[in-house]
């Protein structure tokens, strides 16, 4: 994120979920909206390649090629793959906030691991999403809170805090490095990393009651290149690692979880 991104336009789970990974694409699309206040709708679309762990704590990887689409309208209205449907508000030149109804794609299914046969599937869920971003020269700090809605066994809150530093400030090329940290509430911890006594008896896994708190730390590097007025390329590599109670969960096979995202988008 940067002045280029916010001027022309946030973020990502120790495995980035598809939804969290899709957040990286919004960085690229943000770079395509420059100029006076928007009076109509603008669109961008293109392919996106993700390489992510199969689930939070998996030692297997999943590679996905999916379409990315984003639309921006007047008064800060937007619709996108990751950010959902909502509104963005600018508070001065360097600060923005946004709220939206999104789809959280964090999942854990029985078929993901033979040890999960006795566990409940956790499926995609609607989520309330709040974002904030502040640009401080070459530094950008941002926060995203995403609360899954639905039954207690499917819900939970994740807060992502990120700081980025621009290594380059060219108009058509941006290279940044930074650190992303993620926190979870107790419900998210229980649903994604916990094992109840009943589940332990049925699965052979040890019972485990994790608490909320810090669960992931991930340094990253990302690059954005504007090819012309229409085309933008974006890439991000993230070296995440589960921490705290999440990293000690018996469901976790591998605490390390690298993420790679590469996308190309065209403005219409």
Protein backbone atom coordinates (compact mmCIF):
# COMPACT_ATOMS: atom_id res chain seq x y z
CA UNK A 1 0.00 0.00 0.00
CA UNK A 2 1.21 3.48 -0.73
CA UNK A 3 0.33 6.93 -1.92
CA UNK A 4 0.28 5.52 -5.45
CA UNK A 5 -2.08 2.73 -4.37
CA UNK A 6 -4.46 4.87 -2.35
CA UNK A 7 -4.33 7.73 -4.80
CA UNK A 8 -5.05 5.54 -7.81
CA UNK A 9 -7.20 2.98 -4.97
CA UNK A 10 -5.85 -3.44 1.57
CA UNK A 11 -4.74 -6.79 2.72
CA UNK A 12 -4.05 -11.34 3.86
CA UNK A 13 -3.67 -16.01 6.94
CA UNK A 14 -0.85 -17.90 8.09
CA UNK A 15 -1.95 -19.57 5.12
CA UNK A 16 -3.77 -16.57 3.52
CA UNK A 17 -7.23 -17.75 2.77
CA UNK A 18 -8.46 -17.21 -0.77
CA UNK A 19 -10.31 -14.18 0.49
CA UNK A 20 -7.32 -12.84 2.34
CA UNK A 21 -5.08 -13.51 -0.61
CA UNK A 22 -7.56 -11.76 -2.87
CA UNK A 23 -7.00 -8.71 -0.72
CA UNK A 24 -3.55 -8.42 -2.23
CA UNK A 25 -5.16 -7.86 -5.60
CA UNK A 26 -7.03 -4.82 -4.41
CA UNK A 27 -3.63 -3.18 -4.01
CA UNK A 28 -3.05 -3.50 -7.70
CA UNK A 29 -6.50 -2.34 -8.69
CA UNK A 30 -6.24 0.70 -6.42
CA UNK A 31 -3.45 1.99 -8.56
CA UNK A 32 -5.69 2.44 -11.57
CA UNK A 33 -8.00 5.22 -10.33
CA UNK A 34 -6.33 8.59 -10.62
CA UNK A 35 -7.74 11.99 -11.46
CA UNK A 36 -10.86 13.89 -10.44
CA UNK A 37 -13.71 12.56 -8.33
CA UNK A 38 -15.49 9.61 -9.92
CA UNK A 39 -18.91 10.36 -11.44
CA UNK A 40 -19.69 6.91 -12.88
CA UNK A 41 -18.65 3.31 -12.40
CA UNK A 42 -15.17 2.05 -13.31
CA UNK A 43 -14.22 -1.59 -13.65
CA UNK A 44 -11.04 -3.66 -13.62
CA UNK A 45 -10.64 -7.38 -14.25
CA UNK A 46 -7.99 -9.97 -14.96
CA UNK A 47 -6.48 -13.33 -13.93
CA UNK A 48 -4.92 -13.99 -10.55
CA UNK A 49 -2.66 -16.89 -9.55
CA UNK A 50 -2.46 -17.93 -5.88
CA UNK A 51 -0.18 -20.46 -4.21
CA UNK A 52 -1.25 -20.95 -0.58
CA UNK A 53 -1.33 -23.66 2.10
CA UNK A 54 -4.34 -25.95 1.80
CA UNK A 55 -5.72 -24.79 5.17
CA UNK A 56 -4.38 -22.91 8.20
CA UNK A 57 -1.47 -25.06 9.34
CA UNK A 58 -1.37 -27.43 6.35
CA UNK A 59 1.87 -28.89 4.99
CA UNK A 60 0.26 -29.23 1.54
CA UNK A 61 -0.19 -26.43 -0.97
CA UNK A 62 -3.02 -25.37 -3.23
CA UNK A 63 -2.56 -23.43 -6.46
CA UNK A 64 -5.55 -21.52 -7.82
CA UNK A 65 -6.10 -19.50 -10.97
CA UNK A 66 -9.20 -17.36 -10.55
CA UNK A 67 -10.70 -14.26 -12.18
CA UNK A 68 -10.41 -11.00 -10.26
CA UNK A 69 -13.05 -8.32 -10.74
CA UNK A 70 -13.47 -4.95 -9.04
CA UNK A 71 -15.93 -2.10 -9.59
CA UNK A 72 -15.78 1.43 -8.17
CA UNK A 73 -18.59 3.95 -8.25
CA UNK A 74 -19.43 7.44 -7.09
CA UNK A 75 -19.34 8.42 -3.40
CA UNK A 76 -16.73 5.75 -2.68
CA UNK A 77 -18.98 2.79 -3.44
CA UNK A 78 -17.15 -0.41 -4.43
CA UNK A 79 -17.62 -4.10 -5.14
CA UNK A 80 -14.73 -6.56 -5.36
CA UNK A 81 -13.76 -10.18 -4.88
CA UNK A 82 -12.13 -9.64 -1.51
CA UNK A 83 -13.56 -6.42 -0.10
CA UNK A 84 -17.17 -7.29 -0.92
CA UNK A 85 -19.80 -4.58 -1.29
CA UNK A 86 -19.25 -1.37 0.62
CA UNK A 87 -18.14 2.23 0.75
CA UNK A 88 -14.75 3.89 1.14
CA UNK A 89 -14.40 7.30 2.78
CA UNK A 90 -11.35 9.55 2.45
CA UNK A 91 -10.47 11.58 5.53
CA UNK A 92 -7.96 14.03 4.07
CA UNK A 93 -5.15 13.31 1.62
CA UNK A 94 -3.50 10.47 3.52
CA UNK A 95 -6.26 8.69 5.46
CA UNK A 96 -9.06 6.42 4.31
CA UNK A 97 -11.58 4.14 6.01
CA UNK A 98 -14.02 1.65 4.53
CA UNK A 99 -16.79 -0.69 5.57
CA UNK A 100 -18.33 -3.57 3.64
CA UNK A 101 -20.16 -6.88 3.64
CA UNK A 102 -17.73 -9.46 2.29
CA UNK A 103 -17.37 -13.23 1.93
CA UNK A 104 -14.79 -14.83 4.21
CA UNK A 105 -13.32 -17.84 2.42
CA UNK A 106 -11.40 -19.32 5.35
CA UNK A 107 -12.34 -22.98 5.40
CA UNK A 108 -11.36 -26.29 6.95
CA UNK A 109 -12.98 -29.42 5.55
CA UNK A 110 -12.90 -33.09 6.52
CA UNK A 111 -11.40 -33.95 3.14
CA UNK A 112 -8.40 -31.67 3.77
CA UNK A 113 -6.76 -34.11 6.21
CA UNK A 114 -7.54 -37.69 7.31
CA UNK A 115 -7.36 -36.52 10.95
CA UNK A 116 -10.32 -34.19 10.38
CA UNK A 117 -12.91 -36.94 9.75
CA UNK A 118 -14.58 -36.35 13.13
CA UNK A 119 -14.41 -32.55 12.97
CA UNK A 120 -17.11 -30.23 11.71
CA UNK A 121 -16.57 -28.66 8.30
CA UNK A 122 -15.97 -24.91 8.48
CA UNK A 123 -17.33 -23.32 5.33
CA UNK A 124 -17.25 -19.93 3.67
CA UNK A 125 -19.25 -17.32 5.57
CA UNK A 126 -20.52 -13.77 5.12
CA UNK A 127 -18.46 -11.26 7.08
CA UNK A 128 -18.53 -7.66 8.20
CA UNK A 129 -15.31 -5.90 7.21
CA UNK A 130 -13.77 -2.63 8.43
CA UNK A 131 -10.59 -1.10 6.99
CA UNK A 132 -8.38 1.86 7.84
CA UNK A 133 -5.20 3.15 6.21
CA UNK A 134 -2.81 6.02 6.88
CA UNK A 135 0.09 7.12 4.64
CA UNK A 136 3.10 8.64 6.38
CA UNK A 137 5.61 9.56 3.70
CA UNK A 138 7.20 6.32 2.52
CA UNK A 139 5.45 4.41 5.30
CA UNK A 140 1.89 3.13 5.21
CA UNK A 141 0.08 1.57 8.16
CA UNK A 142 -3.25 -0.21 7.85
CA UNK A 143 -5.70 -2.27 9.87
CA UNK A 144 -8.46 -4.62 8.75
CA UNK A 145 -11.05 -6.29 10.99
CA UNK A 146 -13.17 -9.09 9.52
CA UNK A 147 -15.91 -10.76 11.57
CA UNK A 148 -17.45 -13.97 10.23
CA UNK A 149 -21.22 -14.15 10.70
CA UNK A 150 -23.37 -17.21 11.34
CA UNK A 151 -23.45 -20.07 13.84
CA UNK A 152 -21.02 -20.01 16.76
CA UNK A 153 -19.10 -22.96 15.29
CA UNK A 154 -18.57 -21.07 12.02
CA UNK A 155 -17.88 -17.52 13.23
CA UNK A 156 -14.93 -15.55 14.61
CA UNK A 157 -12.98 -12.32 14.31
CA UNK A 158 -9.58 -11.69 12.72
CA UNK A 159 -7.70 -8.38 12.88
CA UNK A 160 -4.85 -7.76 10.46
CA UNK A 161 -2.27 -5.03 11.21
CA UNK A 162 0.22 -4.14 8.52
CA UNK A 163 3.10 -1.74 8.00
CA UNK A 164 4.81 -1.21 4.64
CA UNK A 165 7.80 0.84 3.48
CA UNK A 166 8.24 2.00 -0.12
CA UNK A 167 11.66 1.19 -1.53
CA UNK A 168 10.82 2.96 -4.79
CA UNK A 169 8.46 5.86 -5.52
CA UNK A 170 8.39 5.91 -9.31
CA UNK A 171 4.99 6.72 -10.81
CA UNK A 172 4.72 3.47 -12.74
CA UNK A 173 6.61 1.08 -10.46
CA UNK A 174 6.31 0.49 -6.75
CA UNK A 175 8.40 -1.91 -4.65
CA UNK A 176 7.54 -2.28 -0.96
CA UNK A 177 8.53 -4.42 2.00
CA UNK A 178 6.65 -4.80 5.24
CA UNK A 179 5.27 -6.88 8.06
CA UNK A 180 1.76 -8.22 8.56
CA UNK A 181 0.50 -9.47 11.92
CA UNK A 182 -2.84 -11.14 12.56
CA UNK A 183 -4.83 -11.55 15.73
CA UNK A 184 -7.86 -13.74 16.43
CA UNK A 185 -10.57 -13.76 19.05
CA UNK A 186 -11.30 -16.80 21.22
CA UNK A 187 -14.14 -18.05 18.99
CA UNK A 188 -12.00 -18.04 15.84
CA UNK A 189 -9.24 -19.78 17.80
CA UNK A 190 -11.59 -22.54 19.00
CA UNK A 191 -13.16 -23.07 15.59
CA UNK A 192 -9.97 -23.21 13.50
CA UNK A 193 -7.38 -24.51 15.98
CA UNK A 194 -9.28 -26.12 18.85
CA UNK A 195 -10.27 -29.74 19.54
CA UNK A 196 -13.16 -30.32 21.94
CA UNK A 197 -13.16 -33.35 24.28
CA UNK A 198 -15.87 -34.97 22.13
CA UNK A 199 -13.85 -34.40 18.96
CA UNK A 200 -10.73 -35.72 20.67
CA UNK A 201 -12.52 -38.93 21.67
CA UNK A 202 -13.82 -39.46 18.13
CA UNK A 203 -10.64 -38.50 16.24
CA UNK A 204 -7.74 -39.57 18.43
CA UNK A 205 -6.40 -36.01 18.49
CA UNK A 206 -5.60 -34.54 21.88
CA UNK A 207 -8.13 -32.10 23.30
CA UNK A 208 -6.99 -28.51 22.91
CA UNK A 209 -8.56 -25.20 24.02
CA UNK A 210 -6.69 -22.29 22.39
CA UNK A 211 -7.08 -18.70 23.49
CA UNK A 212 -7.38 -15.62 21.34
CA UNK A 213 -4.46 -13.32 20.60
CA UNK A 214 -1.61 -13.10 18.10
CA UNK A 215 -1.68 -16.00 15.67
CA UNK A 216 0.42 -15.06 12.65
CA UNK A 217 3.42 -12.92 11.73
CA UNK A 218 4.40 -12.54 8.08
CA UNK A 219 7.13 -10.40 6.48
CA UNK A 220 6.41 -9.66 2.82
CA UNK A 221 7.66 -8.03 -0.35
CA UNK A 222 5.34 -6.75 -3.06
CA UNK A 223 5.65 -5.01 -6.41
CA UNK A 224 3.22 -3.14 -8.60
CA UNK A 225 3.89 -2.06 -12.18
CA UNK A 226 1.66 0.07 -14.37
CA UNK A 227 2.24 -1.10 -17.92
CA UNK A 228 0.04 1.63 -19.43
CA UNK A 229 -3.15 3.50 -18.60
CA UNK A 230 -5.12 0.23 -18.70
CA UNK A 231 -2.90 -2.63 -17.53
CA UNK A 232 -1.42 -3.19 -14.07
CA UNK A 233 0.72 -6.11 -12.83
CA UNK A 234 0.95 -7.03 -9.17
CA UNK A 235 2.97 -9.63 -7.23
CA UNK A 236 3.39 -10.37 -3.53
CA UNK A 237 5.37 -12.99 -1.62
CA UNK A 238 4.64 -13.53 2.06
CA UNK A 239 6.50 -15.77 4.52
CA UNK A 240 3.92 -16.32 7.24
CA UNK A 241 4.23 -18.41 10.38
CA UNK A 242 1.61 -19.45 12.92
CA UNK A 243 2.37 -18.20 16.42
CA UNK A 244 1.10 -18.67 19.93
CA UNK A 245 -1.79 -21.05 20.59
CA UNK A 246 -2.44 -21.37 16.85
CA UNK A 247 1.07 -22.69 16.19
CA UNK A 248 0.78 -25.22 19.06
CA UNK A 249 -2.54 -26.67 17.86
CA UNK A 250 -2.63 -30.46 17.22
CA UNK A 251 -4.42 -29.63 13.96
CA UNK A 252 -1.31 -27.87 12.62
CA UNK A 253 1.07 -29.97 10.56
CA UNK A 254 3.32 -27.06 9.57
CA UNK A 255 3.45 -23.63 11.23
CA UNK A 256 5.23 -22.06 8.27
CA UNK A 257 2.95 -20.96 5.44
CA UNK A 258 4.32 -19.08 2.43
CA UNK A 259 1.94 -17.27 0.09
CA UNK A 260 2.53 -16.14 -3.48
CA UNK A 261 0.14 -13.97 -5.48
CA UNK A 262 0.58 -12.80 -9.08
CA UNK A 263 -2.08 -10.88 -10.95
CA UNK A 264 -2.70 -8.82 -14.06
CA UNK A 265 -5.67 -6.49 -14.31
CA UNK A 266 -7.10 -4.23 -16.98
CA UNK A 267 -9.16 -1.12 -16.33
CA UNK A 268 -12.34 -0.56 -18.35
